[in-house]
């Protein structure tokens, strides 16, 4: 299981439990809730700056491996 860190609030969680994700500057960022996702979308540079902070972004390769699980979980929440 891949652990990720929400760049807005700093909460760590399993990638499969992500509420939302956003691609930004070639990195995928995952969020624990819609509020954190909204804050990031409004001001992404406030949370990542020039380079992603360690542990906050997931490479596109890791995202492709884990994304199907996140989509399944999201559809169950629907």
PDB file of N, CA and C in Angstrom:
ATOM      1  N   UNK A   1       0.847  -1.186   0.000  1.00  0.00           N
ATOM      2  CA  UNK A   1       0.000   0.000   0.000  1.00  0.00           C
ATOM      3  C   UNK A   1       0.887   1.241   0.000  1.00  0.00           C
ATOM      4  N   UNK A   2       0.545   2.203  -0.785  1.00  0.00           N
ATOM      5  CA  UNK A   2       1.301   3.448  -0.853  1.00  0.00           C
ATOM      6  C   UNK A   2       0.670   4.461   0.098  1.00  0.00           C
ATOM      7  N   UNK A   3       1.510   5.060   0.935  1.00  0.00           N
ATOM      8  CA  UNK A   3       1.057   6.106   1.854  1.00  0.00           C
ATOM      9  C   UNK A   3       1.335   7.459   1.205  1.00  0.00           C
ATOM     10  N   UNK A   4       0.390   8.373   1.326  1.00  0.00           N
ATOM     11  CA  UNK A   4       0.546   9.719   0.792  1.00  0.00           C
ATOM     12  C   UNK A   4       0.219  10.727   1.884  1.00  0.00           C
ATOM     13  N   UNK A   5       0.604  11.957   1.639  1.00  0.00           N
ATOM     14  CA  UNK A   5       0.369  13.022   2.606  1.00  0.00           C
ATOM     15  C   UNK A   5      -0.399  14.144   1.914  1.00  0.00           C
ATOM     16  N   UNK A   6      -1.512  14.527   2.477  1.00  0.00           N
ATOM     17  CA  UNK A   6      -2.305  15.626   1.941  1.00  0.00           C
ATOM     18  C   UNK A   6      -1.453  16.896   2.024  1.00  0.00           C
ATOM     19  N   UNK A   7      -1.201  17.575   0.895  1.00  0.00           N
ATOM     20  CA  UNK A   7      -0.331  18.756   0.933  1.00  0.00           C
ATOM     21  C   UNK A   7      -0.950  19.950   1.649  1.00  0.00           C
ATOM     22  N   UNK A   8      -2.255  19.929   1.872  1.00  0.00           N
ATOM     23  CA  UNK A   8      -2.927  21.053   2.516  1.00  0.00           C
ATOM     24  C   UNK A   8      -2.908  20.914   4.031  1.00  0.00           C
ATOM     25  N   UNK A   9      -3.403  19.794   4.551  1.00  0.00           N
ATOM     26  CA  UNK A   9      -3.515  19.641   6.002  1.00  0.00           C
ATOM     27  C   UNK A   9      -2.395  18.802   6.609  1.00  0.00           C
ATOM     28  N   UNK A  10      -1.653  18.058   5.771  1.00  0.00           N
ATOM     29  CA  UNK A  10      -0.553  17.248   6.274  1.00  0.00           C
ATOM     30  C   UNK A  10      -0.936  15.858   6.744  1.00  0.00           C
ATOM     31  N   UNK A  11      -2.212  15.500   6.635  1.00  0.00           N
ATOM     32  CA  UNK A  11      -2.653  14.176   7.081  1.00  0.00           C
ATOM     33  C   UNK A  11      -2.084  13.098   6.168  1.00  0.00           C
ATOM     34  N   UNK A  12      -1.609  11.993   6.755  1.00  0.00           N
ATOM     35  CA  UNK A  12      -1.115  10.848   5.989  1.00  0.00           C
ATOM     36  C   UNK A  12      -2.206   9.797   5.917  1.00  0.00           C
ATOM     37  N   UNK A  13      -2.329   9.155   4.742  1.00  0.00           N
ATOM     38  CA  UNK A  13      -3.351   8.127   4.552  1.00  0.00           C
ATOM     39  C   UNK A  13      -2.941   7.228   3.398  1.00  0.00           C
ATOM     40  N   UNK A  14      -3.614   6.089   3.254  1.00  0.00           N
ATOM     41  CA  UNK A  14      -3.355   5.182   2.150  1.00  0.00           C
ATOM     42  C   UNK A  14      -3.901   5.787   0.865  1.00  0.00           C
ATOM     43  N   UNK A  15      -3.165   5.655  -0.207  1.00  0.00           N
ATOM     44  CA  UNK A  15      -3.559   6.215  -1.494  1.00  0.00           C
ATOM     45  C   UNK A  15      -4.962   5.775  -1.886  1.00  0.00           C
ATOM     46  N   UNK A  16      -5.308   4.545  -1.611  1.00  0.00           N
ATOM     47  CA  UNK A  16      -6.632   4.030  -1.954  1.00  0.00           C
ATOM     48  C   UNK A  16      -7.767   4.706  -1.202  1.00  0.00           C
ATOM     49  N   UNK A  17      -7.462   5.398  -0.122  1.00  0.00           N
ATOM     50  CA  UNK A  17      -8.480   6.093   0.673  1.00  0.00           C
ATOM     51  C   UNK A  17      -8.637   7.562   0.277  1.00  0.00           C
ATOM     52  N   UNK A  18      -7.944   7.985  -0.774  1.00  0.00           N
ATOM     53  CA  UNK A  18      -7.988   9.392  -1.180  1.00  0.00           C
ATOM     54  C   UNK A  18      -9.403   9.795  -1.584  1.00  0.00           C
ATOM     55  N   UNK A  19      -9.812  10.959  -1.130  1.00  0.00           N
ATOM     56  CA  UNK A  19     -11.126  11.501  -1.487  1.00  0.00           C
ATOM     57  C   UNK A  19     -11.090  12.115  -2.887  1.00  0.00           C
ATOM     58  N   UNK A  20      -9.965  12.736  -3.231  1.00  0.00           N
ATOM     59  CA  UNK A  20      -9.814  13.384  -4.537  1.00  0.00           C
ATOM     60  C   UNK A  20      -8.337  13.446  -4.879  1.00  0.00           C
ATOM     61  N   UNK A  21      -8.049  13.726  -6.148  1.00  0.00           N
ATOM     62  CA  UNK A  21      -6.663  13.934  -6.558  1.00  0.00           C
ATOM     63  C   UNK A  21      -6.612  15.030  -7.608  1.00  0.00           C
ATOM     64  N   UNK A  22      -5.444  15.597  -7.736  1.00  0.00           N
ATOM     65  CA  UNK A  22      -5.227  16.678  -8.704  1.00  0.00           C
ATOM     66  C   UNK A  22      -3.839  16.509  -9.299  1.00  0.00           C
ATOM     67  N   UNK A  23      -3.727  16.606 -10.624  1.00  0.00           N
ATOM     68  CA  UNK A  23      -2.433  16.571 -11.294  1.00  0.00           C
ATOM     69  C   UNK A  23      -1.931  18.006 -11.405  1.00  0.00           C
ATOM     70  N   UNK A  24      -0.690  18.218 -10.990  1.00  0.00           N
ATOM     71  CA  UNK A  24      -0.130  19.566 -11.021  1.00  0.00           C
ATOM     72  C   UNK A  24       1.361  19.478 -11.280  1.00  0.00           C
ATOM     73  N   UNK A  25       1.811  20.120 -12.345  1.00  0.00           N
ATOM     74  CA  UNK A  25       3.228  20.149 -12.727  1.00  0.00           C
ATOM     75  C   UNK A  25       3.853  18.755 -12.816  1.00  0.00           C
ATOM     76  N   UNK A  26       3.109  17.828 -13.371  1.00  0.00           N
ATOM     77  CA  UNK A  26       3.635  16.486 -13.587  1.00  0.00           C
ATOM     78  C   UNK A  26       3.571  15.564 -12.386  1.00  0.00           C
ATOM     79  N   UNK A  27       2.941  15.993 -11.302  1.00  0.00           N
ATOM     80  CA  UNK A  27       2.802  15.172 -10.098  1.00  0.00           C
ATOM     81  C   UNK A  27       1.327  15.046  -9.751  1.00  0.00           C
ATOM     82  N   UNK A  28       0.976  13.914  -9.167  1.00  0.00           N
ATOM     83  CA  UNK A  28      -0.393  13.697  -8.705  1.00  0.00           C
ATOM     84  C   UNK A  28      -0.424  13.943  -7.200  1.00  0.00           C
ATOM     85  N   UNK A  29      -1.364  14.761  -6.764  1.00  0.00           N
ATOM     86  CA  UNK A  29      -1.546  15.070  -5.343  1.00  0.00           C
ATOM     87  C   UNK A  29      -2.889  14.499  -4.897  1.00  0.00           C
ATOM     88  N   UNK A  30      -2.903  13.941  -3.714  1.00  0.00           N
ATOM     89  CA  UNK A  30      -4.098  13.285  -3.201  1.00  0.00           C
ATOM     90  C   UNK A  30      -4.563  13.981  -1.934  1.00  0.00           C
ATOM     91  N   UNK A  31      -5.877  13.974  -1.740  1.00  0.00           N
ATOM     92  CA  UNK A  31      -6.473  14.757  -0.662  1.00  0.00           C
ATOM     93  C   UNK A  31      -7.398  13.910   0.194  1.00  0.00           C
ATOM     94  N   UNK A  32      -7.390  14.216   1.484  1.00  0.00           N
ATOM     95  CA  UNK A  32      -8.200  13.454   2.440  1.00  0.00           C
ATOM     96  C   UNK A  32      -9.664  13.863   2.391  1.00  0.00           C
ATOM     97  N   UNK A  33      -9.966  15.060   1.895  1.00  0.00           N
ATOM     98  CA  UNK A  33     -11.353  15.525   1.849  1.00  0.00           C
ATOM     99  C   UNK A  33     -11.519  16.579   0.755  1.00  0.00           C
ATOM    100  N   UNK A  34     -12.763  16.879   0.444  1.00  0.00           N
ATOM    101  CA  UNK A  34     -13.061  17.863  -0.583  1.00  0.00           C
ATOM    102  C   UNK A  34     -12.606  19.267  -0.224  1.00  0.00           C
ATOM    103  N   UNK A  35     -12.623  19.593   1.051  1.00  0.00           N
ATOM    104  CA  UNK A  35     -12.197  20.922   1.478  1.00  0.00           C
ATOM    105  C   UNK A  35     -10.713  21.143   1.178  1.00  0.00           C
ATOM    106  N   UNK A  36      -9.881  20.158   1.504  1.00  0.00           N
ATOM    107  CA  UNK A  36      -8.447  20.274   1.211  1.00  0.00           C
ATOM    108  C   UNK A  36      -8.212  20.348  -0.295  1.00  0.00           C
ATOM    109  N   UNK A  37      -8.942  19.552  -1.050  1.00  0.00           N
ATOM    110  CA  UNK A  37      -8.813  19.577  -2.506  1.00  0.00           C
ATOM    111  C   UNK A  37      -9.170  20.960  -3.041  1.00  0.00           C
ATOM    112  N   UNK A  38     -10.255  21.549  -2.562  1.00  0.00           N
ATOM    113  CA  UNK A  38     -10.667  22.879  -3.001  1.00  0.00           C
ATOM    114  C   UNK A  38      -9.629  23.945  -2.687  1.00  0.00           C
ATOM    115  N   UNK A  39      -9.033  23.873  -1.507  1.00  0.00           N
ATOM    116  CA  UNK A  39      -7.980  24.825  -1.135  1.00  0.00           C
ATOM    117  C   UNK A  39      -6.794  24.710  -2.077  1.00  0.00           C
ATOM    118  N   UNK A  40      -6.418  23.477  -2.407  1.00  0.00           N
ATOM    119  CA  UNK A  40      -5.292  23.252  -3.301  1.00  0.00           C
ATOM    120  C   UNK A  40      -5.588  23.792  -4.697  1.00  0.00           C
ATOM    121  N   UNK A  41      -6.767  23.501  -5.226  1.00  0.00           N
ATOM    122  CA  UNK A  41      -7.126  23.946  -6.572  1.00  0.00           C
ATOM    123  C   UNK A  41      -7.092  25.475  -6.648  1.00  0.00           C
ATOM    124  N   UNK A  42      -7.532  26.139  -5.592  1.00  0.00           N
ATOM    125  CA  UNK A  42      -7.558  27.596  -5.581  1.00  0.00           C
ATOM    126  C   UNK A  42      -6.161  28.217  -5.546  1.00  0.00           C
ATOM    127  N   UNK A  43      -5.220  27.589  -4.827  1.00  0.00           N
ATOM    128  CA  UNK A  43      -3.879  28.161  -4.645  1.00  0.00           C
ATOM    129  C   UNK A  43      -2.817  27.056  -4.569  1.00  0.00           C
ATOM    130  N   UNK A  44      -2.573  26.319  -5.647  1.00  0.00           N
ATOM    131  CA  UNK A  44      -1.645  25.189  -5.560  1.00  0.00           C
ATOM    132  C   UNK A  44      -0.228  25.567  -5.146  1.00  0.00           C
ATOM    133  N   UNK A  45       0.270  26.707  -5.611  1.00  0.00           N
ATOM    134  CA  UNK A  45       1.644  27.088  -5.267  1.00  0.00           C
ATOM    135  C   UNK A  45       1.819  27.364  -3.780  1.00  0.00           C
ATOM    136  N   UNK A  46       0.754  27.693  -3.122  1.00  0.00           N
ATOM    137  CA  UNK A  46       0.811  27.912  -1.679  1.00  0.00           C
ATOM    138  C   UNK A  46       1.185  26.614  -0.952  1.00  0.00           C
ATOM    139  N   UNK A  47       0.827  25.482  -1.553  1.00  0.00           N
ATOM    140  CA  UNK A  47       1.038  24.198  -0.883  1.00  0.00           C
ATOM    141  C   UNK A  47       2.227  23.406  -1.409  1.00  0.00           C
ATOM    142  N   UNK A  48       2.645  23.645  -2.655  1.00  0.00           N
ATOM    143  CA  UNK A  48       3.777  22.876  -3.185  1.00  0.00           C
ATOM    144  C   UNK A  48       4.957  23.725  -3.606  1.00  0.00           C
ATOM    145  N   UNK A  49       4.786  24.995  -3.875  1.00  0.00           N
ATOM    146  CA  UNK A  49       5.895  25.829  -4.291  1.00  0.00           C
ATOM    147  C   UNK A  49       6.482  25.372  -5.610  1.00  0.00           C
ATOM    148  N   UNK A  50       7.766  25.591  -5.780  1.00  0.00           N
ATOM    149  CA  UNK A  50       8.444  25.232  -7.025  1.00  0.00           C
ATOM    150  C   UNK A  50       8.584  23.723  -7.202  1.00  0.00           C
ATOM    151  N   UNK A  51       8.887  23.020  -6.120  1.00  0.00           N
ATOM    152  CA  UNK A  51       9.076  21.567  -6.187  1.00  0.00           C
ATOM    153  C   UNK A  51       8.175  20.916  -5.143  1.00  0.00           C
ATOM    154  N   UNK A  52       7.677  19.717  -5.431  1.00  0.00           N
ATOM    155  CA  UNK A  52       6.866  19.018  -4.442  1.00  0.00           C
ATOM    156  C   UNK A  52       7.675  18.732  -3.183  1.00  0.00           C
ATOM    157  N   UNK A  53       7.040  18.860  -2.043  1.00  0.00           N
ATOM    158  CA  UNK A  53       7.679  18.470  -0.790  1.00  0.00           C
ATOM    159  C   UNK A  53       7.683  16.954  -0.709  1.00  0.00           C
ATOM    160  N   UNK A  54       8.699  16.388  -0.132  1.00  0.00           N
ATOM    161  CA  UNK A  54       8.794  14.936  -0.013  1.00  0.00           C
ATOM    162  C   UNK A  54       7.546  14.380   0.650  1.00  0.00           C
ATOM    163  N   UNK A  55       7.023  13.326   0.049  1.00  0.00           N
ATOM    164  CA  UNK A  55       5.887  12.643   0.641  1.00  0.00           C
ATOM    165  C   UNK A  55       4.539  13.223   0.283  1.00  0.00           C
ATOM    166  N   UNK A  56       4.492  14.348  -0.437  1.00  0.00           N
ATOM    167  CA  UNK A  56       3.188  14.920  -0.747  1.00  0.00           C
ATOM    168  C   UNK A  56       2.714  14.565  -2.139  1.00  0.00           C
ATOM    169  N   UNK A  57       3.608  14.447  -3.094  1.00  0.00           N
ATOM    170  CA  UNK A  57       3.227  14.128  -4.461  1.00  0.00           C
ATOM    171  C   UNK A  57       3.552  12.685  -4.776  1.00  0.00           C
ATOM    172  N   UNK A  58       2.822  12.123  -5.701  1.00  0.00           N
ATOM    173  CA  UNK A  58       3.053  10.749  -6.126  1.00  0.00           C
ATOM    174  C   UNK A  58       3.396  10.793  -7.601  1.00  0.00           C
ATOM    175  N   UNK A  59       4.413  10.045  -7.974  1.00  0.00           N
ATOM    176  CA  UNK A  59       4.817  10.038  -9.370  1.00  0.00           C
ATOM    177  C   UNK A  59       3.702   9.469 -10.244  1.00  0.00           C
ATOM    178  N   UNK A  60       3.666   9.829 -11.498  1.00  0.00           N
ATOM    179  CA  UNK A  60       2.631   9.299 -12.391  1.00  0.00           C
ATOM    180  C   UNK A  60       2.631   7.771 -12.456  1.00  0.00           C
ATOM    181  N   UNK A  61       3.797   7.131 -12.338  1.00  0.00           N
ATOM    182  CA  UNK A  61       3.854   5.677 -12.388  1.00  0.00           C
ATOM    183  C   UNK A  61       3.136   5.057 -11.183  1.00  0.00           C
ATOM    184  N   UNK A  62       3.361   5.588 -10.010  1.00  0.00           N
ATOM    185  CA  UNK A  62       2.695   5.070  -8.819  1.00  0.00           C
ATOM    186  C   UNK A  62       1.202   5.328  -8.897  1.00  0.00           C
ATOM    187  N   UNK A  63       0.821   6.461  -9.426  1.00  0.00           N
ATOM    188  CA  UNK A  63      -0.606   6.774  -9.548  1.00  0.00           C
ATOM    189  C   UNK A  63      -1.304   5.763 -10.450  1.00  0.00           C
ATOM    190  N   UNK A  64      -0.686   5.414 -11.554  1.00  0.00           N
ATOM    191  CA  UNK A  64      -1.308   4.458 -12.472  1.00  0.00           C
ATOM    192  C   UNK A  64      -1.522   3.107 -11.808  1.00  0.00           C
ATOM    193  N   UNK A  65      -0.611   2.710 -10.934  1.00  0.00           N
ATOM    194  CA  UNK A  65      -0.759   1.424 -10.249  1.00  0.00           C
ATOM    195  C   UNK A  65      -1.896   1.454  -9.242  1.00  0.00           C
ATOM    196  N   UNK A  66      -2.072   2.562  -8.553  1.00  0.00           N
ATOM    197  CA  UNK A  66      -3.034   2.645  -7.458  1.00  0.00           C
ATOM    198  C   UNK A  66      -4.364   3.284  -7.826  1.00  0.00           C
ATOM    199  N   UNK A  67      -4.438   4.029  -8.917  1.00  0.00           N
ATOM    200  CA  UNK A  67      -5.645   4.779  -9.264  1.00  0.00           C
ATOM    201  C   UNK A  67      -6.890   3.910  -9.388  1.00  0.00           C
ATOM    202  N   UNK A  68      -6.823   2.700  -9.958  1.00  0.00           N
ATOM    203  CA  UNK A  68      -8.056   1.906 -10.049  1.00  0.00           C
ATOM    204  C   UNK A  68      -8.686   1.636  -8.684  1.00  0.00           C
ATOM    205  N   UNK A  69      -7.884   1.408  -7.666  1.00  0.00           N
ATOM    206  CA  UNK A  69      -8.420   1.188  -6.318  1.00  0.00           C
ATOM    207  C   UNK A  69      -9.120   2.435  -5.795  1.00  0.00           C
ATOM    208  N   UNK A  70      -8.521   3.593  -6.036  1.00  0.00           N
ATOM    209  CA  UNK A  70      -9.118   4.841  -5.564  1.00  0.00           C
ATOM    210  C   UNK A  70     -10.443   5.098  -6.275  1.00  0.00           C
ATOM    211  N   UNK A  71     -10.512   4.814  -7.574  1.00  0.00           N
ATOM    212  CA  UNK A  71     -11.762   5.019  -8.315  1.00  0.00           C
ATOM    213  C   UNK A  71     -12.852   4.072  -7.819  1.00  0.00           C
ATOM    214  N   UNK A  72     -12.490   2.832  -7.522  1.00  0.00           N
ATOM    215  CA  UNK A  72     -13.473   1.885  -6.992  1.00  0.00           C
ATOM    216  C   UNK A  72     -14.026   2.382  -5.667  1.00  0.00           C
ATOM    217  N   UNK A  73     -13.152   2.845  -4.800  1.00  0.00           N
ATOM    218  CA  UNK A  73     -13.577   3.335  -3.504  1.00  0.00           C
ATOM    219  C   UNK A  73     -14.470   4.569  -3.668  1.00  0.00           C
ATOM    220  N   UNK A  74     -14.114   5.439  -4.605  1.00  0.00           N
ATOM    221  CA  UNK A  74     -14.887   6.661  -4.852  1.00  0.00           C
ATOM    222  C   UNK A  74     -16.289   6.310  -5.352  1.00  0.00           C
ATOM    223  N   UNK A  75     -16.398   5.312  -6.222  1.00  0.00           N
ATOM    224  CA  UNK A  75     -17.706   4.944  -6.759  1.00  0.00           C
ATOM    225  C   UNK A  75     -18.594   4.329  -5.674  1.00  0.00           C
ATOM    226  N   UNK A  76     -17.994   3.677  -4.693  1.00  0.00           N
ATOM    227  CA  UNK A  76     -18.776   3.116  -3.579  1.00  0.00           C
ATOM    228  C   UNK A  76     -19.318   4.217  -2.680  1.00  0.00           C
ATOM    229  N   UNK A  77     -18.566   5.313  -2.558  1.00  0.00           N
ATOM    230  CA  UNK A  77     -19.009   6.421  -1.698  1.00  0.00           C
ATOM    231  C   UNK A  77     -20.182   7.157  -2.325  1.00  0.00           C
ATOM    232  N   UNK A  78     -20.162   7.205  -3.695  1.00  0.00           N
ATOM    233  CA  UNK A  78     -21.112   7.908  -4.528  1.00  0.00           C
ATOM    234  C   UNK A  78     -22.354   8.282  -3.919  1.00  0.00           C
TER     235      UNK A  78
END
